[in-house]
Amino acid sequence: MLGNTNARSLGLGNTTLTSPGWLVGAGVEYAVTNRWTTSFEYDHVGAGSVTVPFPTVALIGTQTIAVKQSIDTLKLGVNYKFDWPDAIASR
């Protein structure tokens, strides 16, 4: 049987970094009828770039990695307009 090599501690560790980001987007909405609309929206999120120490385990020589993240989203929507004053008045 092999001795305890503390293998469990070699793979554990974490790092949390917060970096500023930004968002830009555009969208359109079109009235199909007086109650139904459809919409389309595009958003781009830039989360910036950070240098992260990796791995965070003291027994292994720490290196750094650069992380740059961005997200692109497309949204398509269908909406129905409830006209509450008309519904109440018709009672």
N, C-alpha and C. Protein backbone atom coordinates (compact mmCIF):
# COMPACT_ATOMS: atom_id res chain seq x y z
N MET A 1 0.84 -1.17 0.00
CA MET A 1 0.00 0.00 0.00
C MET A 1 0.89 1.24 0.00
N LEU A 2 0.54 2.20 -0.83
CA LEU A 2 1.32 3.42 -0.91
C LEU A 2 1.03 4.34 0.26
N GLY A 3 1.97 5.17 0.60
CA GLY A 3 1.78 6.13 1.69
C GLY A 3 0.86 7.27 1.26
N ASN A 4 0.47 8.08 2.18
CA ASN A 4 -0.41 9.21 1.91
C ASN A 4 0.38 10.26 1.14
N THR A 5 -0.05 10.55 -0.08
CA THR A 5 0.64 11.55 -0.91
C THR A 5 -0.08 12.88 -0.92
N ASN A 6 -1.13 12.99 -0.12
CA ASN A 6 -1.93 14.22 -0.11
C ASN A 6 -2.44 14.58 -1.49
N ALA A 7 -2.76 13.57 -2.30
CA ALA A 7 -3.23 13.81 -3.65
C ALA A 7 -4.51 14.63 -3.68
N ARG A 8 -5.31 14.47 -2.65
CA ARG A 8 -6.55 15.25 -2.63
C ARG A 8 -6.26 16.75 -2.55
N SER A 9 -5.25 17.15 -1.84
CA SER A 9 -4.97 18.58 -1.70
C SER A 9 -4.32 19.17 -2.94
N LEU A 10 -3.79 18.35 -3.83
CA LEU A 10 -3.15 18.88 -5.04
C LEU A 10 -4.16 19.40 -6.05
N GLY A 11 -5.39 18.91 -6.02
CA GLY A 11 -6.36 19.33 -7.02
C GLY A 11 -7.39 20.32 -6.53
N LEU A 12 -7.23 20.81 -5.32
CA LEU A 12 -8.22 21.73 -4.78
C LEU A 12 -7.69 23.15 -4.79
N GLY A 13 -8.59 24.09 -5.02
CA GLY A 13 -8.23 25.50 -4.98
C GLY A 13 -9.20 26.28 -5.83
N ASN A 14 -9.32 27.55 -5.55
CA ASN A 14 -10.18 28.40 -6.37
C ASN A 14 -9.70 29.83 -6.31
N THR A 15 -10.12 30.59 -7.28
CA THR A 15 -9.80 32.01 -7.35
C THR A 15 -11.04 32.75 -7.80
N THR A 16 -11.34 33.84 -7.17
CA THR A 16 -12.46 34.67 -7.58
C THR A 16 -11.95 36.06 -7.89
N LEU A 17 -12.22 36.52 -9.08
CA LEU A 17 -11.83 37.86 -9.50
C LEU A 17 -13.05 38.55 -10.10
N THR A 18 -13.18 39.82 -9.85
CA THR A 18 -14.26 40.60 -10.42
C THR A 18 -13.64 41.66 -11.32
N SER A 19 -14.19 41.78 -12.52
CA SER A 19 -13.68 42.81 -13.43
C SER A 19 -14.87 43.59 -14.00
N PRO A 20 -14.64 44.84 -14.36
CA PRO A 20 -15.74 45.64 -14.92
C PRO A 20 -16.10 45.14 -16.31
N GLY A 21 -17.32 45.40 -16.69
CA GLY A 21 -17.78 44.99 -18.02
C GLY A 21 -18.70 46.04 -18.60
N TRP A 22 -19.25 45.73 -19.75
CA TRP A 22 -20.13 46.67 -20.43
C TRP A 22 -21.15 45.89 -21.28
N LEU A 23 -22.21 46.57 -21.67
CA LEU A 23 -23.25 45.97 -22.48
C LEU A 23 -23.71 46.98 -23.52
N VAL A 24 -23.90 46.51 -24.74
CA VAL A 24 -24.48 47.35 -25.79
C VAL A 24 -25.51 46.48 -26.52
N GLY A 25 -26.60 47.09 -26.91
CA GLY A 25 -27.64 46.32 -27.58
C GLY A 25 -28.57 47.20 -28.37
N ALA A 26 -29.40 46.54 -29.18
CA ALA A 26 -30.41 47.24 -29.98
C ALA A 26 -31.57 46.28 -30.19
N GLY A 27 -32.74 46.87 -30.39
CA GLY A 27 -33.90 46.02 -30.61
C GLY A 27 -34.99 46.77 -31.35
N VAL A 28 -35.93 46.00 -31.89
CA VAL A 28 -37.08 46.56 -32.56
C VAL A 28 -38.33 45.80 -32.10
N GLU A 29 -39.45 46.50 -32.11
CA GLU A 29 -40.72 45.87 -31.80
C GLU A 29 -41.71 46.30 -32.87
N TYR A 30 -42.49 45.36 -33.36
CA TYR A 30 -43.44 45.62 -34.45
C TYR A 30 -44.84 45.19 -34.01
N ALA A 31 -45.81 46.10 -34.22
CA ALA A 31 -47.20 45.79 -33.88
C ALA A 31 -47.83 45.02 -35.04
N VAL A 32 -48.14 43.76 -34.82
CA VAL A 32 -48.78 42.93 -35.84
C VAL A 32 -50.27 43.29 -35.92
N THR A 33 -50.92 43.43 -34.77
CA THR A 33 -52.29 43.92 -34.66
C THR A 33 -52.30 44.93 -33.52
N ASN A 34 -53.51 45.39 -33.14
CA ASN A 34 -53.55 46.34 -32.02
C ASN A 34 -53.31 45.64 -30.67
N ARG A 35 -53.31 44.30 -30.64
CA ARG A 35 -53.06 43.55 -29.40
C ARG A 35 -51.76 42.73 -29.44
N TRP A 36 -51.31 42.31 -30.60
CA TRP A 36 -50.13 41.43 -30.73
C TRP A 36 -48.94 42.20 -31.27
N THR A 37 -47.78 41.99 -30.65
CA THR A 37 -46.53 42.56 -31.16
C THR A 37 -45.47 41.46 -31.19
N THR A 38 -44.48 41.69 -31.99
CA THR A 38 -43.32 40.80 -32.01
C THR A 38 -42.08 41.67 -31.85
N SER A 39 -41.03 41.10 -31.27
CA SER A 39 -39.83 41.90 -31.01
C SER A 39 -38.58 41.07 -31.27
N PHE A 40 -37.50 41.79 -31.54
CA PHE A 40 -36.18 41.20 -31.75
C PHE A 40 -35.17 42.09 -31.06
N GLU A 41 -34.24 41.48 -30.32
CA GLU A 41 -33.21 42.25 -29.62
C GLU A 41 -31.87 41.53 -29.70
N TYR A 42 -30.82 42.31 -29.89
CA TYR A 42 -29.45 41.79 -29.89
C TYR A 42 -28.67 42.51 -28.79
N ASP A 43 -27.95 41.76 -27.97
CA ASP A 43 -27.11 42.34 -26.92
C ASP A 43 -25.71 41.72 -26.99
N HIS A 44 -24.71 42.56 -26.77
CA HIS A 44 -23.32 42.10 -26.66
C HIS A 44 -22.80 42.52 -25.29
N VAL A 45 -22.31 41.56 -24.52
CA VAL A 45 -21.77 41.82 -23.19
C VAL A 45 -20.27 41.58 -23.24
N GLY A 46 -19.50 42.58 -22.87
CA GLY A 46 -18.05 42.47 -22.78
C GLY A 46 -17.66 42.45 -21.32
N ALA A 47 -17.02 41.37 -20.88
CA ALA A 47 -16.68 41.24 -19.46
C ALA A 47 -15.23 41.60 -19.18
N GLY A 48 -14.55 42.16 -20.13
CA GLY A 48 -13.18 42.58 -19.88
C GLY A 48 -12.19 41.43 -19.90
N SER A 49 -10.97 41.74 -19.56
CA SER A 49 -9.88 40.78 -19.58
C SER A 49 -9.17 40.83 -18.23
N VAL A 50 -8.86 39.66 -17.67
CA VAL A 50 -8.15 39.59 -16.40
C VAL A 50 -7.06 38.52 -16.49
N THR A 51 -6.06 38.66 -15.66
CA THR A 51 -5.02 37.64 -15.53
C THR A 51 -5.26 36.92 -14.20
N VAL A 52 -5.36 35.61 -14.29
CA VAL A 52 -5.74 34.80 -13.14
C VAL A 52 -4.59 33.86 -12.76
N PRO A 53 -4.23 33.79 -11.47
CA PRO A 53 -3.24 32.80 -11.06
C PRO A 53 -3.85 31.40 -11.13
N PHE A 54 -3.12 30.47 -11.72
CA PHE A 54 -3.63 29.10 -11.89
C PHE A 54 -2.48 28.12 -11.90
N PRO A 55 -2.50 27.01 -11.24
CA PRO A 55 -3.50 26.66 -10.24
C PRO A 55 -3.25 27.41 -8.96
N THR A 56 -4.20 27.35 -8.05
CA THR A 56 -4.08 28.09 -6.79
C THR A 56 -3.54 27.22 -5.67
N VAL A 57 -3.00 26.07 -6.00
CA VAL A 57 -2.46 25.16 -5.00
C VAL A 57 -1.00 25.51 -4.75
N ALA A 58 -0.64 25.67 -3.49
CA ALA A 58 0.71 26.14 -3.14
C ALA A 58 1.81 25.16 -3.52
N LEU A 59 1.52 23.87 -3.58
CA LEU A 59 2.56 22.88 -3.86
C LEU A 59 2.97 22.84 -5.33
N ILE A 60 2.19 23.45 -6.18
CA ILE A 60 2.49 23.45 -7.62
C ILE A 60 2.87 24.87 -7.99
N GLY A 61 3.88 25.02 -8.84
CA GLY A 61 4.30 26.35 -9.27
C GLY A 61 3.16 27.08 -9.95
N THR A 62 2.76 28.21 -9.41
CA THR A 62 1.64 28.97 -9.94
C THR A 62 2.03 29.67 -11.24
N GLN A 63 1.19 29.53 -12.22
CA GLN A 63 1.33 30.24 -13.49
C GLN A 63 0.15 31.21 -13.58
N THR A 64 0.08 31.96 -14.63
CA THR A 64 -1.08 32.83 -14.84
C THR A 64 -1.68 32.53 -16.20
N ILE A 65 -2.98 32.70 -16.28
CA ILE A 65 -3.67 32.56 -17.56
C ILE A 65 -4.50 33.82 -17.77
N ALA A 66 -4.62 34.24 -19.01
CA ALA A 66 -5.43 35.40 -19.36
C ALA A 66 -6.83 34.92 -19.74
N VAL A 67 -7.82 35.56 -19.19
CA VAL A 67 -9.22 35.21 -19.47
C VAL A 67 -9.91 36.43 -20.03
N LYS A 68 -10.52 36.27 -21.19
CA LYS A 68 -11.31 37.34 -21.81
C LYS A 68 -12.65 36.73 -22.19
N GLN A 69 -13.73 37.33 -21.72
CA GLN A 69 -15.05 36.78 -21.97
C GLN A 69 -15.96 37.80 -22.64
N SER A 70 -16.80 37.29 -23.54
CA SER A 70 -17.85 38.11 -24.12
C SER A 70 -19.03 37.19 -24.45
N ILE A 71 -20.22 37.76 -24.43
CA ILE A 71 -21.44 37.01 -24.67
C ILE A 71 -22.30 37.76 -25.68
N ASP A 72 -22.81 37.05 -26.67
CA ASP A 72 -23.75 37.61 -27.63
C ASP A 72 -25.09 36.92 -27.44
N THR A 73 -26.16 37.71 -27.31
CA THR A 73 -27.49 37.12 -27.14
C THR A 73 -28.45 37.67 -28.18
N LEU A 74 -29.33 36.83 -28.66
CA LEU A 74 -30.42 37.21 -29.55
C LEU A 74 -31.72 36.84 -28.86
N LYS A 75 -32.66 37.76 -28.83
CA LYS A 75 -33.95 37.51 -28.20
C LYS A 75 -35.06 37.77 -29.20
N LEU A 76 -35.99 36.84 -29.29
CA LEU A 76 -37.16 36.98 -30.14
C LEU A 76 -38.37 36.87 -29.23
N GLY A 77 -39.30 37.80 -29.33
CA GLY A 77 -40.44 37.79 -28.42
C GLY A 77 -41.75 38.00 -29.14
N VAL A 78 -42.80 37.48 -28.53
CA VAL A 78 -44.17 37.70 -28.96
C VAL A 78 -44.93 38.19 -27.74
N ASN A 79 -45.67 39.28 -27.90
CA ASN A 79 -46.36 39.90 -26.78
C ASN A 79 -47.84 40.06 -27.08
N TYR A 80 -48.65 39.93 -26.04
CA TYR A 80 -50.08 40.20 -26.15
C TYR A 80 -50.43 41.31 -25.17
N LYS A 81 -51.13 42.33 -25.65
CA LYS A 81 -51.49 43.47 -24.81
C LYS A 81 -52.89 43.26 -24.23
N PHE A 82 -52.97 43.23 -22.90
CA PHE A 82 -54.24 43.18 -22.21
C PHE A 82 -54.70 44.61 -21.99
N ASP A 83 -55.89 44.93 -22.43
CA ASP A 83 -56.42 46.29 -22.26
C ASP A 83 -57.39 46.27 -21.08
N TRP A 84 -56.87 46.40 -19.88
CA TRP A 84 -57.67 46.26 -18.67
C TRP A 84 -58.78 47.30 -18.56
N PRO A 85 -58.61 48.55 -18.88
CA PRO A 85 -59.74 49.50 -18.77
C PRO A 85 -60.94 49.08 -19.63
N ASP A 86 -60.71 48.55 -20.83
CA ASP A 86 -61.81 48.09 -21.69
C ASP A 86 -62.51 46.89 -21.07
N ALA A 87 -61.76 45.98 -20.47
CA ALA A 87 -62.34 44.79 -19.87
C ALA A 87 -63.19 45.17 -18.66
N ILE A 88 -62.76 46.13 -17.89
CA ILE A 88 -63.50 46.56 -16.69
C ILE A 88 -64.74 47.35 -17.11
N ALA A 89 -64.62 48.22 -18.12
CA ALA A 89 -65.73 49.05 -18.57
C ALA A 89 -66.84 48.23 -19.21
N SER A 90 -66.51 47.09 -19.81
CA SER A 90 -67.52 46.29 -20.50
C SER A 90 -68.38 45.47 -19.54
N ARG A 91 -68.09 45.48 -18.27
CA ARG A 91 -68.89 44.72 -17.28
C ARG A 91 -70.19 45.36 -17.05
